[in-house]
Every structure is written in structure tokens, then in C-alpha cells.
Amino acid sequence: MPSIRATCVDIKAAAGSRYVRLAACAAAVALLAGCSGASQTTTAAPNAARLAHAKTAITGTTPASAWGPVAAPAGPRTSCTSVVHIGDSTSDGLVLPAYQPDPNLRIAAQYRRVGVTNFIPEVSGARSIYETWHGFPNGYTVAQQQIQHGYRGCWVIALGTNDAADVAVGSAMSMPARIKEMMTLIGDEPVMWVNVITLLSSGPYAESNMRAWNRDLLQACSQFPTMRVYDWAAAAQPSWFINDGIHYTPYGYAQRSRLIANGLAAAFPASQSASGLLSVSGTRAIGSGGSCLVQ
């Protein structure tokens, strides 16, 4: 899938030009934009299943004007002023005007609302951490390229749907190994993962596989003090999904944008230095023993 690449953008001063670039990407992405999955020299979820389950579409007939307040007012802010957002097709509707015409409901505006000034979208349908699709870079390669170009700052990793499916059909790299590879590469920078959910009961993209991925994310936190996991799986409502059970309606994407930004503010609050994290303080811990899970 084409990667929605952008250089580090000052979203206070240059939002207009960035949206022009993303709009230009939309035409290229439109033919293939939703594909969830990958293929490399390892086992990946079958191509037919990938295409069938990942094809995104704008559905729903309720106009945005009737949604009520989706974009939240000013509230908690984050210490993360720069964010690289690495995503698969479940992030397409967060950044592309074709999915979300109102720029205030897209994730750039929502990140800006919580204090992010430099936003770098790295979104590509079919992306996983390990497998590649038609030569487009996987999540690891994208992160590696950003680091090689000198990026220092916070990361939001909205991957895992394809990873869980690829592992389910026999990929050579396990789920814990994928998470460890990404976290080791990024090092001590703050990272918020967005956990995953589907409405499917069978196949590579079954919800049971997504839950396994989410468990492995939480287990990895003990190894990486600057890692957080936003609990999207607990927030997502069935009515926000389109018929494929994986992707979202425009309203669902608007909620996803708002809630991920809120999660970033909770994970790495402005009252806490993003570069000096040593514990999970500043998050809303789940469970009596504390947790990196953020709601």
C-alpha cells in the first residue's frame, strides 16, 4: 500500500499545505487504501482474505452535522510536542480527507488540541511490523527511516491487526518478537501503542487473535518503561464499524481520532517530561498492581 509520508510538519503554521499533500495521496491510495495484511518471505494472511477484510469504504448516511460534539474541547495536554503516527488501514480514516472531510475531526487537529505541534503521519494500508506488501515498507522499516533521519520524539504505533492475522496463519515472527523489535529500535523514546479489536469470530482477523496481541502488548510493558498501551479495544463501539468488522465509519474514525489523542495526553501528560519517564505514573492504571494500559 502507498505510504502516506510527510516530513515533520508544523501543524500550527502549515496545516493547509499538509492537507493538500494528503489529498493528493488520497487518489493514489483510493484504489488499494484499505488493504489489511502483508506478504514477504514469510507466511502472511491469505491475499484474498486480506483484500476482503481490509477494503475500507465510507459508509453510513448520518451527516457529520448531526453527530453532535465529536471534537472534544480543550482539556488535558501532552508533553509530546512531536509525534510519529505509524498505522495500517485502520488509520486511513484518521488522516485522509476522502474518509473524513472535516479537518477538525481528523487526527492532526486532535493531536494539535492536546499539544502536539509536529505531526508525522506514516499510514499505509496492509502494514504490519514484519511483513511487507508489494514493496511498501513495513512498520519496522518506517520507524528505522525516521530514526535515521534524526527524529527524536514520541511515537504512536497503531499496528497489530495485520500482525495478529499473519501470526495466526503461521508467520515466522511471533507477536512478542514483533513488539520487542519495535521497542528496541525506538529505544527510550515515549511510545504509545493502540491496541486492536475486530468484530469477527473466525479467520485470521478473528477477535480472539486480536486479544492475543493485546495481551502480548501488556506483557511487554514490564521490559520497556516508556511504553504505554491505549485501550482502544475497550472504547470502540460495534456501531462504529463498517460491515467488514475491521474498519470504521466516518463517525467511528472521528471518535478514534479524538480518543487516541486523549490517550496520548493521559499516557504522557504535560505535567510529566516525555523524555524522563521511569514508571507508569501519569496514566490511568488498570488493576491493583498498576499497568501501562491507558483509558
Foldseek 3Di string as FASTA:
>chain_A
DDWLWDDWDQCVPCVPVSLVSLQVVCVVCQVPVFFAKFADPWFFADRVCRRLLGNDDADDDDDPVPPPDLQDAADFAFLFQAEEEAEASQLCLQRHCVQPVDPCLHQSVLLVSRRHRIYTYTYYHRAALPGHHPPDDHPLVVLLVCVVVPDATEYEYAHDQRVLLRVVRPTPDDLLRSVVSNDVSNDQFAYEYEQAAFPACDHSRHRVSSVVNVVSLFVCCVVHQRYAYEDVVVVQDPQQPDPSRGHGHSSNSSNVSNSVSVQNCQQGTSVHNRNDGDHRPSADFDDPVGTRYHD
